[in-house]
Amino acid sequence: MKYFLPLIFALLILTSCGSEKTEVDSAQSKTHYDLALELAQYALYQNSLEEFDLAIKFDPDNIKAYRKKGLVLFGLKQYVEAEKLFKKVISLDPDNVQAHINLGMVKYSTGNKGDAKKLWEKSINIKADDNDSKAINNIANLYKEEKNYDKAIEGYQLAVKNDPMNSMYLNNLADTLRLNGELDQAIEVIQNSLKLNSAGMGTYFNLGMVYKDLKENKKALDSFKKSLQVNAALTEAYYQIAQIHLAMKNRDLALTFINKAIEFSPNNLIYQESLEKILAL
C-alpha cells in the first residue's frame, strides 16, 4: 500500500503534464496561425506558409491552418498542394462547407468543371437549411459559361435572395439577364443595386452594356464614364466607349478611348483590331 499512493500521485502528475502540454501546444498553434494570417495580408506568402506549417506542427488537427494554407497556395497557383490541403480538411471535417467550395475552386481552375460543380452542389446540400451563396454563385457561373442562362439566372436569384447586399451577385444576375435578352429586368436589378448602395465597379458598366444593347448611346456613355469614376483602370469601359463613338462615326473620340484601352492592355488583339478600324475611317 505504501508504494501504491506514490504511484497514483506520479500518474496524476504525468496526466496533468500531458494536459498542460496539450494546452501549450494549442496556444502555440494559434499564435503561429494568427501570425501566418497577418503575413499573408502583407503578401509575405513564403513566411506565411512557414507559420502555417508551425501551427500544424503544434496542432495536427488545426483545420483552419490547413484550409488557410491551402488558400495561400491556391492564390500562388500551386494547385496540387492546395488540393491536398483542402482534402485533408474534408478528411478531418467531412461537413466543412468552405473546404468543399475551395476544393471546387481548385478543380475549376485546373479545367475540371464537372467535379467543381459536384463539390459546390455538395457544399449546398451540407447546409440545406442555410444555402451557401458563394457556392450557388459559382454554380450559376458555370451555367452562364455553358450559355444556359435560365439556370444561371435561377442560381443568381437565389444567391441574391440569401445575400441581397452583395454587389457581385447582383451584377452577375444583371449581366446574365442582359445576355438572355431580358433588358428591362436587368435595368431593374441594377437600379435596385444602386438604391441599396451596393454598387460595385461593375454595376455602372453593366448598366452601360444594357443601354448599349438598347442603342441608347447617350445613357450608355454616361454609365460607362461613371464606371470609370469608380475604377479608372476598367479597361473594357474604355473599349465600349470607343465602340459607341465608332458606331457614331466620332473618329477622334473613338481613337482617344481605344488608345486608353490599349494603354492598360497593350496585348489585347480585340483592342488592336478596333484601333485599325478606327484609323481606317
C-alpha atoms as a PDB file:
ATOM      1  CA  MET A   1       0.000   0.000   0.000  1.00  0.00           C
ATOM      2  CA  LYS A   2       2.900   2.336   0.797  1.00  0.00           C
ATOM      3  CA  TYR A   3       4.051   2.038  -2.832  1.00  0.00           C
ATOM      4  CA  PHE A   4       0.554   2.372  -4.215  1.00  0.00           C
ATOM      5  CA  LEU A   5      -0.130   6.002  -3.195  1.00  0.00           C
ATOM      6  CA  PRO A   6       3.118   7.395  -4.650  1.00  0.00           C
ATOM      7  CA  LEU A   7       2.287   5.584  -7.889  1.00  0.00           C
ATOM      8  CA  ILE A   8      -1.116   7.266  -8.033  1.00  0.00           C
ATOM      9  CA  PHE A   9       0.467  10.679  -7.436  1.00  0.00           C
ATOM     10  CA  ALA A  10       3.012  10.006 -10.165  1.00  0.00           C
ATOM     11  CA  LEU A  11       0.259   9.098 -12.614  1.00  0.00           C
ATOM     12  CA  LEU A  12      -1.694  12.235 -11.711  1.00  0.00           C
ATOM     13  CA  ILE A  13       1.378  14.385 -12.294  1.00  0.00           C
ATOM     14  CA  LEU A  14       2.032  12.770 -15.682  1.00  0.00           C
ATOM     15  CA  THR A  15      -1.602  13.216 -16.693  1.00  0.00           C
ATOM     16  CA  SER A  16      -1.520  16.826 -15.588  1.00  0.00           C
ATOM     17  CA  CYS A  17       1.669  17.463 -17.563  1.00  0.00           C
ATOM     18  CA  GLY A  18       0.132  15.901 -20.649  1.00  0.00           C
ATOM     19  CA  SER A  19      -2.908  18.140 -20.339  1.00  0.00           C
ATOM     20  CA  GLU A  20      -0.736  21.237 -19.852  1.00  0.00           C
ATOM     21  CA  LYS A  21       1.385  20.258 -22.845  1.00  0.00           C
ATOM     22  CA  THR A  22      -1.760  19.965 -24.997  1.00  0.00           C
ATOM     23  CA  GLU A  23      -2.914  23.405 -23.884  1.00  0.00           C
ATOM     24  CA  VAL A  24       0.517  24.897 -24.576  1.00  0.00           C
ATOM     25  CA  ASP A  25       0.660  23.252 -27.996  1.00  0.00           C
ATOM     26  CA  SER A  26      -2.800  24.561 -28.837  1.00  0.00           C
ATOM     27  CA  ALA A  27      -1.835  28.070 -27.737  1.00  0.00           C
ATOM     28  CA  GLN A  28       1.393  27.961 -29.747  1.00  0.00           C
ATOM     29  CA  SER A  29      -0.513  26.698 -32.759  1.00  0.00           C
ATOM     30  CA  LYS A  30      -2.908  29.641 -32.531  1.00  0.00           C
ATOM     31  CA  THR A  31      -0.016  32.092 -32.183  1.00  0.00           C
ATOM     32  CA  HIS A  32       1.620  30.816 -35.373  1.00  0.00           C
ATOM     33  CA  TYR A  33      -1.746  30.668 -37.145  1.00  0.00           C
ATOM     34  CA  ASP A  34      -2.543  34.303 -36.324  1.00  0.00           C
ATOM     35  CA  LEU A  35       0.914  35.384 -37.465  1.00  0.00           C
ATOM     36  CA  ALA A  36       0.510  33.429 -40.711  1.00  0.00           C
ATOM     37  CA  LEU A  37      -2.736  35.272 -41.466  1.00  0.00           C
ATOM     38  CA  GLU A  38      -1.096  38.621 -40.808  1.00  0.00           C
ATOM     39  CA  LEU A  39       1.872  37.810 -43.037  1.00  0.00           C
ATOM     40  CA  ALA A  40      -0.459  36.728 -45.836  1.00  0.00           C
ATOM     41  CA  GLN A  41      -2.244  40.096 -45.643  1.00  0.00           C
ATOM     42  CA  TYR A  42       1.092  41.781 -46.380  1.00  0.00           C
ATOM     43  CA  ALA A  43       1.752  39.382 -49.306  1.00  0.00           C
ATOM     44  CA  LEU A  44       4.636  37.735 -47.413  1.00  0.00           C
ATOM     45  CA  TYR A  45       3.448  34.381 -48.631  1.00  0.00           C
ATOM     46  CA  GLN A  46       6.535  32.252 -48.049  1.00  0.00           C
ATOM     47  CA  ASN A  47       6.780  33.440 -44.463  1.00  0.00           C
ATOM     48  CA  SER A  48       3.063  32.882 -44.073  1.00  0.00           C
ATOM     49  CA  LEU A  49       3.345  29.288 -45.297  1.00  0.00           C
ATOM     50  CA  GLU A  50       6.142  28.622 -42.813  1.00  0.00           C
ATOM     51  CA  GLU A  51       3.989  29.898 -39.951  1.00  0.00           C
ATOM     52  CA  PHE A  52       1.068  27.747 -41.075  1.00  0.00           C
ATOM     53  CA  ASP A  53       3.420  24.741 -41.008  1.00  0.00           C
ATOM     54  CA  LEU A  54       4.370  25.568 -37.428  1.00  0.00           C
ATOM     55  CA  ALA A  55       0.723  25.964 -36.471  1.00  0.00           C
ATOM     56  CA  ILE A  56       0.046  22.494 -37.890  1.00  0.00           C
ATOM     57  CA  LYS A  57       3.145  21.062 -36.207  1.00  0.00           C
ATOM     58  CA  PHE A  58       1.900  22.156 -32.772  1.00  0.00           C
ATOM     59  CA  ASP A  59      -1.675  21.088 -33.538  1.00  0.00           C
ATOM     60  CA  PRO A  60      -2.007  18.492 -36.335  1.00  0.00           C
ATOM     61  CA  ASP A  61      -5.800  18.859 -36.149  1.00  0.00           C
ATOM     62  CA  ASN A  62      -5.823  22.612 -36.748  1.00  0.00           C
ATOM     63  CA  ILE A  63      -8.393  22.627 -39.532  1.00  0.00           C
ATOM     64  CA  LYS A  64      -8.236  26.388 -40.027  1.00  0.00           C
ATOM     65  CA  ALA A  65      -4.472  26.256 -40.601  1.00  0.00           C
ATOM     66  CA  TYR A  66      -4.783  23.557 -43.279  1.00  0.00           C
ATOM     67  CA  ARG A  67      -7.527  25.451 -45.109  1.00  0.00           C
ATOM     68  CA  LYS A  68      -5.941  28.897 -44.940  1.00  0.00           C
ATOM     69  CA  LYS A  69      -2.598  27.486 -46.054  1.00  0.00           C
ATOM     70  CA  GLY A  70      -4.463  25.889 -48.954  1.00  0.00           C
ATOM     71  CA  LEU A  71      -5.922  29.274 -49.891  1.00  0.00           C
ATOM     72  CA  VAL A  72      -2.469  30.872 -49.923  1.00  0.00           C
ATOM     73  CA  LEU A  73      -1.177  28.077 -52.167  1.00  0.00           C
ATOM     74  CA  PHE A  74      -4.256  28.425 -54.372  1.00  0.00           C
ATOM     75  CA  GLY A  75      -3.530  32.124 -54.763  1.00  0.00           C
ATOM     76  CA  LEU A  76       0.022  31.202 -55.773  1.00  0.00           C
ATOM     77  CA  LYS A  77      -1.452  28.753 -58.334  1.00  0.00           C
ATOM     78  CA  GLN A  78       0.143  25.783 -56.567  1.00  0.00           C
ATOM     79  CA  TYR A  79      -2.998  23.790 -57.216  1.00  0.00           C
ATOM     80  CA  VAL A  80      -1.684  20.292 -56.451  1.00  0.00           C
ATOM     81  CA  GLU A  81      -0.552  21.239 -52.955  1.00  0.00           C
ATOM     82  CA  ALA A  82      -3.678  23.310 -52.341  1.00  0.00           C
ATOM     83  CA  GLU A  83      -5.871  20.354 -53.328  1.00  0.00           C
ATOM     84  CA  LYS A  84      -4.087  18.086 -50.819  1.00  0.00           C
ATOM     85  CA  LEU A  85      -4.774  20.526 -48.005  1.00  0.00           C
ATOM     86  CA  PHE A  86      -8.449  21.012 -48.820  1.00  0.00           C
ATOM     87  CA  LYS A  87      -8.852  17.230 -48.958  1.00  0.00           C
ATOM     88  CA  LYS A  88      -7.093  16.995 -45.588  1.00  0.00           C
ATOM     89  CA  VAL A  89      -9.648  19.406 -44.112  1.00  0.00           C
ATOM     90  CA  ILE A  90     -12.506  17.332 -45.523  1.00  0.00           C
ATOM     91  CA  SER A  91     -10.963  14.160 -44.064  1.00  0.00           C
ATOM     92  CA  LEU A  92     -10.891  15.837 -40.638  1.00  0.00           C
ATOM     93  CA  ASP A  93     -14.276  17.529 -41.039  1.00  0.00           C
ATOM     94  CA  PRO A  94     -16.429  15.929 -43.798  1.00  0.00           C
ATOM     95  CA  ASP A  95     -19.110  18.616 -43.421  1.00  0.00           C
ATOM     96  CA  ASN A  96     -16.762  21.561 -43.845  1.00  0.00           C
ATOM     97  CA  VAL A  97     -18.629  23.693 -46.398  1.00  0.00           C
ATOM     98  CA  GLN A  98     -15.776  26.099 -47.125  1.00  0.00           C
ATOM     99  CA  ALA A  99     -13.329  23.262 -47.844  1.00  0.00           C
ATOM    100  CA  HIS A 100     -15.729  21.815 -50.423  1.00  0.00           C
ATOM    101  CA  ILE A 101     -16.068  25.242 -52.031  1.00  0.00           C
ATOM    102  CA  ASN A 102     -12.280  25.710 -52.005  1.00  0.00           C
ATOM    103  CA  LEU A 103     -11.642  22.270 -53.484  1.00  0.00           C
ATOM    104  CA  GLY A 104     -14.191  23.115 -56.164  1.00  0.00           C
ATOM    105  CA  MET A 105     -12.212  26.273 -56.925  1.00  0.00           C
ATOM    106  CA  VAL A 106      -9.104  24.132 -57.487  1.00  0.00           C
ATOM    107  CA  LYS A 107     -10.991  21.767 -59.783  1.00  0.00           C
ATOM    108  CA  TYR A 108     -12.459  24.693 -61.729  1.00  0.00           C
ATOM    109  CA  SER A 109      -9.067  26.389 -62.087  1.00  0.00           C
ATOM    110  CA  THR A 110      -7.488  23.192 -63.410  1.00  0.00           C
ATOM    111  CA  GLY A 111     -10.215  22.719 -66.005  1.00  0.00           C
ATOM    112  CA  ASN A 112     -12.250  20.049 -64.203  1.00  0.00           C
ATOM    113  CA  LYS A 113     -15.547  21.928 -64.179  1.00  0.00           C
ATOM    114  CA  GLY A 114     -17.651  18.798 -63.719  1.00  0.00           C
ATOM    115  CA  ASP A 115     -16.006  17.936 -60.407  1.00  0.00           C
ATOM    116  CA  ALA A 116     -16.126  21.599 -59.376  1.00  0.00           C
ATOM    117  CA  LYS A 117     -19.872  21.669 -59.922  1.00  0.00           C
ATOM    118  CA  LYS A 118     -20.355  18.459 -57.890  1.00  0.00           C
ATOM    119  CA  LEU A 119     -18.320  19.833 -54.990  1.00  0.00           C
ATOM    120  CA  TRP A 120     -20.230  23.124 -54.952  1.00  0.00           C
ATOM    121  CA  GLU A 121     -23.540  21.269 -55.111  1.00  0.00           C
ATOM    122  CA  LYS A 122     -22.404  19.086 -52.213  1.00  0.00           C
ATOM    123  CA  SER A 123     -21.475  22.166 -50.193  1.00  0.00           C
ATOM    124  CA  ILE A 124     -25.039  23.434 -50.638  1.00  0.00           C
ATOM    125  CA  ASN A 125     -26.513  20.064 -49.628  1.00  0.00           C
ATOM    126  CA  ILE A 126     -24.415  20.026 -46.455  1.00  0.00           C
ATOM    127  CA  LYS A 127     -26.179  23.221 -45.378  1.00  0.00           C
ATOM    128  CA  ALA A 128     -29.596  22.523 -46.853  1.00  0.00           C
ATOM    129  CA  ASP A 129     -31.293  24.927 -44.453  1.00  0.00           C
ATOM    130  CA  ASP A 130     -28.733  27.675 -44.944  1.00  0.00           C
ATOM    131  CA  ASN A 131     -27.642  27.594 -48.567  1.00  0.00           C
ATOM    132  CA  ASP A 132     -24.164  28.960 -49.162  1.00  0.00           C
ATOM    133  CA  SER A 133     -24.435  31.895 -51.558  1.00  0.00           C
ATOM    134  CA  LYS A 134     -20.832  31.606 -52.719  1.00  0.00           C
ATOM    135  CA  ALA A 135     -21.327  28.028 -53.903  1.00  0.00           C
ATOM    136  CA  ILE A 136     -24.647  28.905 -55.549  1.00  0.00           C
ATOM    137  CA  ASN A 137     -22.987  31.816 -57.352  1.00  0.00           C
ATOM    138  CA  ASN A 138     -20.160  29.548 -58.527  1.00  0.00           C
ATOM    139  CA  ILE A 139     -22.612  27.001 -59.940  1.00  0.00           C
ATOM    140  CA  ALA A 140     -24.534  29.792 -61.675  1.00  0.00           C
ATOM    141  CA  ASN A 141     -21.241  30.957 -63.217  1.00  0.00           C
ATOM    142  CA  LEU A 142     -20.813  27.506 -64.764  1.00  0.00           C
ATOM    143  CA  TYR A 143     -24.326  27.614 -66.217  1.00  0.00           C
ATOM    144  CA  LYS A 144     -23.558  31.073 -67.596  1.00  0.00           C
ATOM    145  CA  GLU A 145     -20.387  29.790 -69.291  1.00  0.00           C
ATOM    146  CA  GLU A 146     -22.458  26.995 -70.837  1.00  0.00           C
ATOM    147  CA  LYS A 147     -24.906  29.697 -72.057  1.00  0.00           C
ATOM    148  CA  ASN A 148     -27.648  28.038 -70.001  1.00  0.00           C
ATOM    149  CA  TYR A 149     -28.874  31.468 -68.970  1.00  0.00           C
ATOM    150  CA  ASP A 150     -32.202  30.375 -67.465  1.00  0.00           C
ATOM    151  CA  LYS A 151     -30.468  28.064 -64.961  1.00  0.00           C
ATOM    152  CA  ALA A 152     -27.792  30.685 -64.284  1.00  0.00           C
ATOM    153  CA  ILE A 153     -30.455  33.304 -63.554  1.00  0.00           C
ATOM    154  CA  GLU A 154     -32.168  30.935 -61.103  1.00  0.00           C
ATOM    155  CA  GLY A 155     -28.866  30.468 -59.278  1.00  0.00           C
ATOM    156  CA  TYR A 156     -28.008  34.157 -59.124  1.00  0.00           C
ATOM    157  CA  GLN A 157     -31.507  34.998 -57.916  1.00  0.00           C
ATOM    158  CA  LEU A 158     -31.109  32.522 -55.048  1.00  0.00           C
ATOM    159  CA  ALA A 159     -27.667  33.913 -54.206  1.00  0.00           C
ATOM    160  CA  VAL A 160     -29.112  37.436 -54.146  1.00  0.00           C
ATOM    161  CA  LYS A 161     -32.033  36.277 -52.002  1.00  0.00           C
ATOM    162  CA  ASN A 162     -29.580  34.894 -49.433  1.00  0.00           C
ATOM    163  CA  ASP A 163     -27.235  37.897 -49.623  1.00  0.00           C
ATOM    164  CA  PRO A 164     -29.139  40.879 -51.069  1.00  0.00           C
ATOM    165  CA  MET A 165     -26.362  43.422 -50.423  1.00  0.00           C
ATOM    166  CA  ASN A 166     -23.698  41.526 -52.376  1.00  0.00           C
ATOM    167  CA  SER A 167     -22.904  43.655 -55.429  1.00  0.00           C
ATOM    168  CA  MET A 168     -21.092  40.802 -57.211  1.00  0.00           C
ATOM    169  CA  TYR A 169     -24.179  38.571 -57.152  1.00  0.00           C
ATOM    170  CA  LEU A 170     -26.386  41.472 -58.274  1.00  0.00           C
ATOM    171  CA  ASN A 171     -24.006  42.296 -61.127  1.00  0.00           C
ATOM    172  CA  ASN A 172     -23.851  38.660 -62.217  1.00  0.00           C
ATOM    173  CA  LEU A 173     -27.647  38.478 -62.241  1.00  0.00           C
ATOM    174  CA  ALA A 174     -27.998  41.739 -64.191  1.00  0.00           C
ATOM    175  CA  ASP A 175     -25.405  40.747 -66.797  1.00  0.00           C
ATOM    176  CA  THR A 176     -26.984  37.327 -67.337  1.00  0.00           C
ATOM    177  CA  LEU A 177     -30.435  38.855 -67.688  1.00  0.00           C
ATOM    178  CA  ARG A 178     -28.938  41.123 -70.367  1.00  0.00           C
ATOM    179  CA  LEU A 179     -27.366  38.186 -72.183  1.00  0.00           C
ATOM    180  CA  ASN A 180     -30.735  36.430 -72.034  1.00  0.00           C
ATOM    181  CA  GLY A 181     -32.404  39.424 -73.678  1.00  0.00           C
ATOM    182  CA  GLU A 182     -34.279  40.446 -70.518  1.00  0.00           C
ATOM    183  CA  LEU A 183     -33.091  44.036 -70.669  1.00  0.00           C
ATOM    184  CA  ASP A 184     -35.847  45.677 -68.617  1.00  0.00           C
ATOM    185  CA  GLN A 185     -35.310  43.168 -65.803  1.00  0.00           C
ATOM    186  CA  ALA A 186     -31.555  43.774 -65.978  1.00  0.00           C
ATOM    187  CA  ILE A 187     -32.081  47.531 -65.541  1.00  0.00           C
ATOM    188  CA  GLU A 188     -34.416  46.877 -62.595  1.00  0.00           C
ATOM    189  CA  VAL A 189     -31.783  44.727 -60.835  1.00  0.00           C
ATOM    190  CA  ILE A 190     -29.100  47.363 -61.396  1.00  0.00           C
ATOM    191  CA  GLN A 191     -31.328  50.166 -60.155  1.00  0.00           C
ATOM    192  CA  ASN A 192     -32.140  48.134 -57.035  1.00  0.00           C
ATOM    193  CA  SER A 193     -28.416  47.608 -56.532  1.00  0.00           C
ATOM    194  CA  LEU A 194     -27.824  51.345 -56.703  1.00  0.00           C
ATOM    195  CA  LYS A 195     -30.673  52.004 -54.258  1.00  0.00           C
ATOM    196  CA  LEU A 196     -29.142  49.531 -51.812  1.00  0.00           C
ATOM    197  CA  ASN A 197     -25.890  51.459 -52.089  1.00  0.00           C
ATOM    198  CA  SER A 198     -24.080  48.257 -53.019  1.00  0.00           C
ATOM    199  CA  ALA A 199     -22.770  49.426 -56.378  1.00  0.00           C
ATOM    200  CA  GLY A 200     -19.543  47.655 -57.173  1.00  0.00           C
ATOM    201  CA  MET A 201     -17.309  48.765 -60.002  1.00  0.00           C
ATOM    202  CA  GLY A 202     -19.227  46.530 -62.424  1.00  0.00           C
ATOM    203  CA  THR A 203     -22.666  47.975 -61.673  1.00  0.00           C
ATOM    204  CA  TYR A 204     -22.443  51.071 -63.879  1.00  0.00           C
ATOM    205  CA  PHE A 205     -20.559  49.063 -66.500  1.00  0.00           C
ATOM    206  CA  ASN A 206     -23.390  46.518 -66.670  1.00  0.00           C
ATOM    207  CA  LEU A 207     -25.888  49.362 -66.939  1.00  0.00           C
ATOM    208  CA  GLY A 208     -23.859  50.748 -69.833  1.00  0.00           C
ATOM    209  CA  MET A 209     -23.958  47.370 -71.586  1.00  0.00           C
ATOM    210  CA  VAL A 210     -27.739  47.215 -71.231  1.00  0.00           C
ATOM    211  CA  TYR A 211     -28.190  50.718 -72.645  1.00  0.00           C
ATOM    212  CA  LYS A 212     -25.762  49.872 -75.449  1.00  0.00           C
ATOM    213  CA  ASP A 213     -27.896  46.841 -76.358  1.00  0.00           C
ATOM    214  CA  LEU A 214     -30.940  49.138 -76.306  1.00  0.00           C
ATOM    215  CA  LYS A 215     -28.995  51.507 -78.598  1.00  0.00           C
ATOM    216  CA  GLU A 216     -29.448  54.331 -76.104  1.00  0.00           C
ATOM    217  CA  ASN A 217     -25.947  55.622 -76.736  1.00  0.00           C
ATOM    218  CA  LYS A 218     -26.013  58.707 -74.516  1.00  0.00           C
ATOM    219  CA  LYS A 219     -27.161  56.740 -71.467  1.00  0.00           C
ATOM    220  CA  ALA A 220     -24.622  54.034 -72.275  1.00  0.00           C
ATOM    221  CA  LEU A 221     -21.778  56.562 -72.484  1.00  0.00           C
ATOM    222  CA  ASP A 222     -22.835  58.186 -69.205  1.00  0.00           C
ATOM    223  CA  SER A 223     -22.905  54.802 -67.461  1.00  0.00           C
ATOM    224  CA  PHE A 224     -19.508  53.701 -68.792  1.00  0.00           C
ATOM    225  CA  LYS A 225     -17.982  57.004 -67.687  1.00  0.00           C
ATOM    226  CA  LYS A 226     -19.463  56.526 -64.207  1.00  0.00           C
ATOM    227  CA  SER A 227     -17.900  53.065 -64.067  1.00  0.00           C
ATOM    228  CA  LEU A 228     -14.529  54.689 -64.791  1.00  0.00           C
ATOM    229  CA  GLN A 229     -15.087  57.079 -61.898  1.00  0.00           C
ATOM    230  CA  VAL A 230     -15.324  54.020 -59.655  1.00  0.00           C
ATOM    231  CA  ASN A 231     -12.336  52.325 -61.299  1.00  0.00           C
ATOM    232  CA  ALA A 232     -10.209  54.309 -63.748  1.00  0.00           C
ATOM    233  CA  ALA A 233      -8.426  51.107 -64.820  1.00  0.00           C
ATOM    234  CA  LEU A 234     -11.594  49.354 -66.032  1.00  0.00           C
ATOM    235  CA  THR A 235     -10.168  48.748 -69.484  1.00  0.00           C
ATOM    236  CA  GLU A 236     -13.302  47.284 -71.027  1.00  0.00           C
ATOM    237  CA  ALA A 237     -15.198  50.512 -70.299  1.00  0.00           C
ATOM    238  CA  TYR A 238     -12.751  52.476 -72.480  1.00  0.00           C
ATOM    239  CA  TYR A 239     -13.212  49.908 -75.223  1.00  0.00           C
ATOM    240  CA  GLN A 240     -17.011  50.060 -75.072  1.00  0.00           C
ATOM    241  CA  ILE A 241     -16.964  53.872 -75.186  1.00  0.00           C
ATOM    242  CA  ALA A 242     -14.698  53.671 -78.219  1.00  0.00           C
ATOM    243  CA  GLN A 243     -17.111  51.235 -79.896  1.00  0.00           C
ATOM    244  CA  ILE A 244     -20.061  53.588 -79.398  1.00  0.00           C
ATOM    245  CA  HIS A 245     -18.132  56.532 -80.824  1.00  0.00           C
ATOM    246  CA  LEU A 246     -17.006  54.334 -83.712  1.00  0.00           C
ATOM    247  CA  ALA A 247     -20.639  53.463 -84.479  1.00  0.00           C
ATOM    248  CA  MET A 248     -21.489  57.173 -84.316  1.00  0.00           C
ATOM    249  CA  LYS A 249     -18.573  57.989 -86.666  1.00  0.00           C
ATOM    250  CA  ASN A 250     -16.874  60.106 -83.979  1.00  0.00           C
ATOM    251  CA  ARG A 251     -13.387  59.146 -85.130  1.00  0.00           C
ATOM    252  CA  ASP A 252     -11.330  61.352 -82.814  1.00  0.00           C
ATOM    253  CA  LEU A 253     -13.206  60.368 -79.658  1.00  0.00           C
ATOM    254  CA  ALA A 254     -13.162  56.708 -80.662  1.00  0.00           C
ATOM    255  CA  LEU A 255      -9.393  56.964 -81.188  1.00  0.00           C
ATOM    256  CA  THR A 256      -8.871  58.624 -77.805  1.00  0.00           C
ATOM    257  CA  PHE A 257     -10.715  55.905 -75.881  1.00  0.00           C
ATOM    258  CA  ILE A 258      -9.346  52.903 -77.782  1.00  0.00           C
ATOM    259  CA  ASN A 259      -5.816  54.201 -77.182  1.00  0.00           C
ATOM    260  CA  LYS A 260      -6.644  54.434 -73.498  1.00  0.00           C
ATOM    261  CA  ALA A 261      -7.812  50.828 -73.512  1.00  0.00           C
ATOM    262  CA  ILE A 262      -4.611  49.755 -75.275  1.00  0.00           C
ATOM    263  CA  GLU A 263      -2.553  51.720 -72.760  1.00  0.00           C
ATOM    264  CA  PHE A 264      -3.939  49.481 -69.990  1.00  0.00           C
ATOM    265  CA  SER A 265      -3.952  46.289 -72.061  1.00  0.00           C
ATOM    266  CA  PRO A 266      -1.386  46.578 -74.891  1.00  0.00           C
ATOM    267  CA  ASN A 267      -1.525  42.913 -75.929  1.00  0.00           C
ATOM    268  CA  ASN A 268      -5.288  42.699 -76.389  1.00  0.00           C
ATOM    269  CA  LEU A 269      -5.878  41.689 -80.012  1.00  0.00           C
ATOM    270  CA  ILE A 270      -9.521  42.840 -79.997  1.00  0.00           C
ATOM    271  CA  TYR A 271      -8.441  46.337 -78.997  1.00  0.00           C
ATOM    272  CA  GLN A 272      -5.763  46.345 -81.700  1.00  0.00           C
ATOM    273  CA  GLU A 273      -8.304  45.310 -84.345  1.00  0.00           C
ATOM    274  CA  SER A 274     -10.647  48.056 -83.179  1.00  0.00           C
ATOM    275  CA  LEU A 275      -7.833  50.600 -83.489  1.00  0.00           C
ATOM    276  CA  GLU A 276      -7.262  49.517 -87.107  1.00  0.00           C
ATOM    277  CA  LYS A 277     -10.967  50.016 -87.896  1.00  0.00           C
ATOM    278  CA  ILE A 278     -10.953  53.471 -86.355  1.00  0.00           C
ATOM    279  CA  LEU A 279      -7.821  54.510 -88.235  1.00  0.00           C
ATOM    280  CA  ALA A 280      -9.464  53.319 -91.467  1.00  0.00           C
ATOM    281  CA  LEU A 281     -12.322  55.845 -91.087  1.00  0.00           C
END
